[in-house]
N, C-alpha and C. Protein backbone atom coordinates (compact mmCIF):
# COMPACT_ATOMS: atom_id res chain seq x y z
N UNK A 1 1.26 -1.17 0.07
CA UNK A 1 0.28 0.05 -0.13
C UNK A 1 0.64 0.95 0.04
N UNK A 2 0.40 2.37 -0.75
CA UNK A 2 1.31 3.26 -0.37
C UNK A 2 0.95 4.29 0.25
N UNK A 3 2.01 5.13 0.83
CA UNK A 3 2.04 5.85 1.42
C UNK A 3 0.80 7.20 1.50
N UNK A 4 0.53 7.51 0.11
CA UNK A 4 -1.09 8.16 0.09
C UNK A 4 -1.86 7.27 0.72
N UNK A 5 -2.48 5.89 0.05
CA UNK A 5 -3.31 4.92 0.28
C UNK A 5 -3.36 4.78 1.83
N UNK A 6 -2.02 5.13 2.47
CA UNK A 6 -1.84 4.87 4.30
C UNK A 6 -3.09 5.79 4.94
N UNK A 7 -2.05 6.94 4.04
CA UNK A 7 -3.04 7.70 4.93
C UNK A 7 -4.31 8.52 4.86
N UNK A 8 -5.13 8.14 3.09
CA UNK A 8 -6.26 7.83 3.58
C UNK A 8 -6.69 6.91 4.10
N UNK A 9 -6.53 6.27 4.42
CA UNK A 9 -7.43 4.66 5.18
C UNK A 9 -6.78 5.57 6.56
N UNK A 10 -6.31 6.19 7.22
CA UNK A 10 -5.54 6.72 8.69
C UNK A 10 -7.04 8.22 8.70
N UNK A 11 -7.44 8.53 7.98
CA UNK A 11 -8.03 9.66 7.52
C UNK A 11 -9.06 9.51 8.25
N UNK A 12 -9.50 8.03 7.29
CA UNK A 12 -11.32 7.49 6.94
C UNK A 12 -11.43 6.59 8.80
N UNK A 13 -10.27 5.98 9.42
CA UNK A 13 -10.63 5.31 10.23
C UNK A 13 -10.69 6.36 11.91
N UNK A 14 -9.44 7.40 12.13
CA UNK A 14 -9.58 8.08 12.77
C UNK A 14 -10.89 9.36 12.87
N UNK A 15 -11.21 9.45 11.78
CA UNK A 15 -12.48 10.30 11.57
C UNK A 15 -14.01 9.82 11.63
N UNK A 16 -13.39 8.74 11.19
CA UNK A 16 -15.00 7.69 11.21
C UNK A 16 -15.60 8.21 10.00
N UNK A 17 -14.92 8.31 9.03
CA UNK A 17 -15.88 8.62 7.47
C UNK A 17 -15.26 7.69 6.90
N UNK A 18 -16.82 6.61 6.97
CA UNK A 18 -16.95 4.93 6.78
C UNK A 18 -17.90 4.83 5.72
N UNK A 19 -18.28 5.92 4.79
CA UNK A 19 -19.10 6.69 4.27
C UNK A 19 -18.68 7.08 2.74
N UNK A 20 -16.90 6.94 3.51
CA UNK A 20 -15.85 7.00 2.08
C UNK A 20 -14.61 6.46 1.90
N UNK A 21 -14.12 6.15 0.59
CA UNK A 21 -13.27 4.98 0.31
C UNK A 21 -12.53 5.79 0.31
N UNK A 22 -10.74 4.87 -0.05
CA UNK A 22 -9.52 5.48 -0.29
C UNK A 22 -9.96 5.96 -1.57
N UNK A 23 -10.98 5.00 -2.31
CA UNK A 23 -10.55 5.58 -3.88
C UNK A 23 -11.48 6.98 -4.32
N UNK A 24 -12.35 6.92 -2.42
CA UNK A 24 -12.89 8.61 -3.04
C UNK A 24 -12.91 9.81 -2.11
N UNK A 25 -11.90 9.87 -2.47
CA UNK A 25 -10.49 10.65 -1.42
C UNK A 25 -8.82 10.97 -2.99
N UNK A 26 -9.48 12.51 -3.38
CA UNK A 26 -8.24 12.50 -4.47
C UNK A 26 -7.42 12.76 -3.74
N UNK A 27 -5.89 12.72 -4.53
CA UNK A 27 -4.59 13.32 -3.65
C UNK A 27 -5.08 14.59 -3.97
N UNK A 28 -5.58 15.67 -4.24
CA UNK A 28 -4.82 16.64 -4.29
C UNK A 28 -6.01 17.47 -3.90
N UNK A 29 -6.74 16.62 -3.34
CA UNK A 29 -8.17 17.92 -3.17
C UNK A 29 -7.88 18.05 -1.31
N UNK A 30 -8.51 19.13 -1.45
CA UNK A 30 -8.18 19.91 0.03
C UNK A 30 -8.89 18.91 0.90
N UNK A 31 -8.03 18.74 2.17
CA UNK A 31 -8.18 17.79 3.09
C UNK A 31 -9.48 19.07 3.67
N UNK A 32 -9.17 20.07 4.11
CA UNK A 32 -10.12 21.11 4.54
C UNK A 32 -10.96 21.74 3.64
N UNK A 33 -12.14 21.14 3.32
CA UNK A 33 -13.48 21.31 2.77
C UNK A 33 -15.04 20.81 2.99
N UNK A 34 -15.57 20.99 3.16
CA UNK A 34 -16.85 20.98 3.40
C UNK A 34 -16.39 19.25 1.96
N UNK A 35 -16.34 19.62 1.30
CA UNK A 35 -16.62 17.45 0.42
C UNK A 35 -16.43 16.88 1.37
N UNK A 36 -15.06 16.95 2.72
CA UNK A 36 -14.83 15.74 3.21
C UNK A 36 -15.68 16.18 4.45
N UNK A 37 -15.52 17.35 4.93
CA UNK A 37 -16.61 17.95 5.78
C UNK A 37 -15.65 17.21 7.39
N UNK A 38 -14.45 17.58 7.16
CA UNK A 38 -13.26 17.52 8.41
C UNK A 38 -12.92 19.26 8.92
N UNK A 39 -13.03 19.60 9.67
CA UNK A 39 -13.13 20.44 10.65
C UNK A 39 -11.83 21.13 11.62
N UNK A 40 -11.90 22.18 12.02
CA UNK A 40 -10.58 22.42 12.95
C UNK A 40 -10.53 20.71 14.10
N UNK A 41 -11.52 20.74 14.41
CA UNK A 41 -12.00 19.49 16.00
C UNK A 41 -11.02 18.15 15.10
N UNK A 42 -11.77 17.75 13.72
CA UNK A 42 -10.84 16.81 13.08
C UNK A 42 -9.70 17.04 12.61
N UNK A 43 -8.58 18.38 12.41
CA UNK A 43 -7.24 18.25 11.97
C UNK A 43 -6.67 18.03 13.75
N UNK A 44 -7.05 18.47 14.69
CA UNK A 44 -6.70 17.53 15.97
C UNK A 44 -6.52 16.17 16.05
N UNK A 45 -7.50 15.26 16.13
CA UNK A 45 -8.14 14.13 16.28
C UNK A 45 -6.84 13.79 14.98
N UNK A 46 -6.92 13.65 13.71
CA UNK A 46 -6.17 13.47 12.62
C UNK A 46 -4.52 14.07 12.77
N UNK A 47 -3.91 15.04 13.57
CA UNK A 47 -2.48 15.39 14.04
C UNK A 47 -2.10 14.34 14.57
N UNK A 48 -3.29 13.53 16.08
CA UNK A 48 -3.21 12.57 17.15
C UNK A 48 -2.70 11.51 16.17
N UNK A 49 -3.34 10.85 15.33
CA UNK A 49 -3.19 10.13 15.10
C UNK A 49 -2.23 9.16 14.41
N UNK A 50 -1.83 11.06 13.35
CA UNK A 50 -0.83 10.95 12.64
C UNK A 50 0.99 10.57 13.60
N UNK A 51 0.77 11.75 14.64
CA UNK A 51 1.80 11.25 15.88
C UNK A 51 1.64 9.90 16.27
N UNK A 52 0.41 9.33 16.48
CA UNK A 52 0.72 7.27 17.04
C UNK A 52 2.01 6.79 15.47
N UNK A 53 0.71 7.01 15.08
CA UNK A 53 1.85 5.66 13.99
C UNK A 53 2.52 6.26 13.17
N UNK A 54 3.30 7.24 12.40
CA UNK A 54 4.12 7.76 12.20
C UNK A 54 5.80 8.17 13.31
N UNK A 55 4.93 8.71 14.48
CA UNK A 55 6.01 9.51 15.53
C UNK A 55 6.24 10.09 15.33
N UNK A 56 5.86 11.56 14.57
CA UNK A 56 5.83 12.48 13.92
C UNK A 56 5.00 13.05 14.87
N UNK A 57 5.50 14.36 14.71
CA UNK A 57 4.65 15.97 15.15
C UNK A 57 4.35 16.92 14.19
N UNK A 58 3.87 17.03 13.96
CA UNK A 58 3.18 18.73 13.67
C UNK A 58 3.32 20.03 14.60
N UNK A 59 4.29 21.03 13.96
CA UNK A 59 4.79 21.69 15.53
C UNK A 59 4.49 22.95 15.82
N UNK A 60 3.66 23.35 14.56
CA UNK A 60 2.67 24.98 14.71
C UNK A 60 1.50 24.72 14.03
N UNK A 61 0.89 25.57 13.86
CA UNK A 61 -0.36 26.34 12.86
C UNK A 61 -0.40 25.94 11.76
N UNK A 62 1.46 26.65 11.25
CA UNK A 62 1.33 27.06 10.03
C UNK A 62 2.16 25.97 9.27
N UNK A 63 2.94 25.22 10.29
CA UNK A 63 2.90 24.04 8.86
C UNK A 63 1.99 22.54 9.43
N UNK A 64 0.68 23.05 10.46
CA UNK A 64 -0.32 22.18 10.26
C UNK A 64 -1.35 22.38 8.51
N UNK A 65 -1.03 23.49 8.62
CA UNK A 65 -2.10 24.17 7.59
C UNK A 65 -1.23 23.90 5.98
N UNK A 66 0.22 23.64 6.40
CA UNK A 66 0.81 23.29 5.25
C UNK A 66 0.51 21.25 4.52
N UNK A 67 0.55 21.14 5.89
CA UNK A 67 0.62 19.65 6.08
C UNK A 67 -0.92 19.43 5.96
N UNK A 68 -1.70 20.12 5.56
CA UNK A 68 -2.95 19.32 5.63
C UNK A 68 -3.83 20.06 4.39
N UNK A 69 -2.48 20.62 3.44
CA UNK A 69 -3.64 21.38 2.80
C UNK A 69 -3.99 20.29 1.52
N UNK A 70 -3.12 19.09 1.14
CA UNK A 70 -3.69 18.01 0.64
C UNK A 70 -3.13 16.65 0.81
N UNK A 71 -3.85 15.18 0.71
CA UNK A 71 -3.34 14.10 1.14
C UNK A 71 -1.76 14.00 0.16
N UNK A 72 -1.19 14.50 -0.63
CA UNK A 72 -0.30 14.76 -0.85
C UNK A 72 0.51 15.42 -0.23
N UNK A 73 -0.22 16.40 0.30
CA UNK A 73 0.86 17.96 0.72
C UNK A 73 1.01 16.75 2.06
N UNK A 74 0.74 16.12 2.96
CA UNK A 74 0.84 15.48 4.05
C UNK A 74 1.65 14.16 3.69
N UNK A 75 1.18 13.93 2.98
CA UNK A 75 2.66 12.47 2.16
C UNK A 75 3.98 13.07 2.21
N UNK A 76 3.65 14.30 1.18
CA UNK A 76 5.53 14.81 1.44
C UNK A 76 5.76 14.45 2.77
N UNK A 77 4.99 15.96 3.96
CA UNK A 77 5.00 15.62 5.32
C UNK A 77 5.86 15.07 6.03
N UNK A 78 4.88 13.29 5.72
CA UNK A 78 5.73 12.67 6.78
C UNK A 78 6.34 11.88 6.05
N UNK A 79 6.97 11.50 4.63
CA UNK A 79 8.17 12.12 3.98
C UNK A 79 9.47 12.30 4.41
N UNK A 80 9.08 13.68 4.65
CA UNK A 80 10.52 14.87 5.28
C UNK A 80 10.79 14.56 6.49
N UNK A 81 9.53 13.95 7.65
CA UNK A 81 9.60 14.12 8.41
C UNK A 81 10.27 12.86 9.14
N UNK A 82 10.23 11.74 7.82
CA UNK A 82 11.38 10.41 8.06
C UNK A 82 12.53 10.76 8.21
N UNK A 83 12.97 11.68 6.65
CA UNK A 83 14.16 11.68 6.65
C UNK A 83 15.12 12.60 7.62
N UNK A 84 13.92 12.93 7.99
CA UNK A 84 14.61 14.23 9.03
C UNK A 84 14.95 13.40 9.86
N UNK A 85 14.69 12.39 10.89
CA UNK A 85 14.53 11.41 11.90
C UNK A 85 15.52 10.42 11.25
N UNK A 86 15.36 10.30 10.25
CA UNK A 86 16.76 8.41 9.84
C UNK A 86 18.54 9.04 9.58
N UNK A 87 18.67 11.40 10.16
CA UNK A 87 19.29 11.54 9.60
C UNK A 87 20.49 11.75 10.97
């Protein structure tokens, strides 16, 4: 499973979006949109789920906005944080 698909599954599971499927979330669609119904409380829950799953933290609000822009942006963020942790 690709990192993007893992993240989509994490979004669906963490936020109980059972009506969605991995294929129903576009890689570049805005995560913070009415389409997915994700609000600021959901973002906090998702940040905690990402911290638990990948052992990385989203340190500040600006970084969070960038990371949660889309699944593609979130995948880039996770990959960057993994690379930094391995150095």
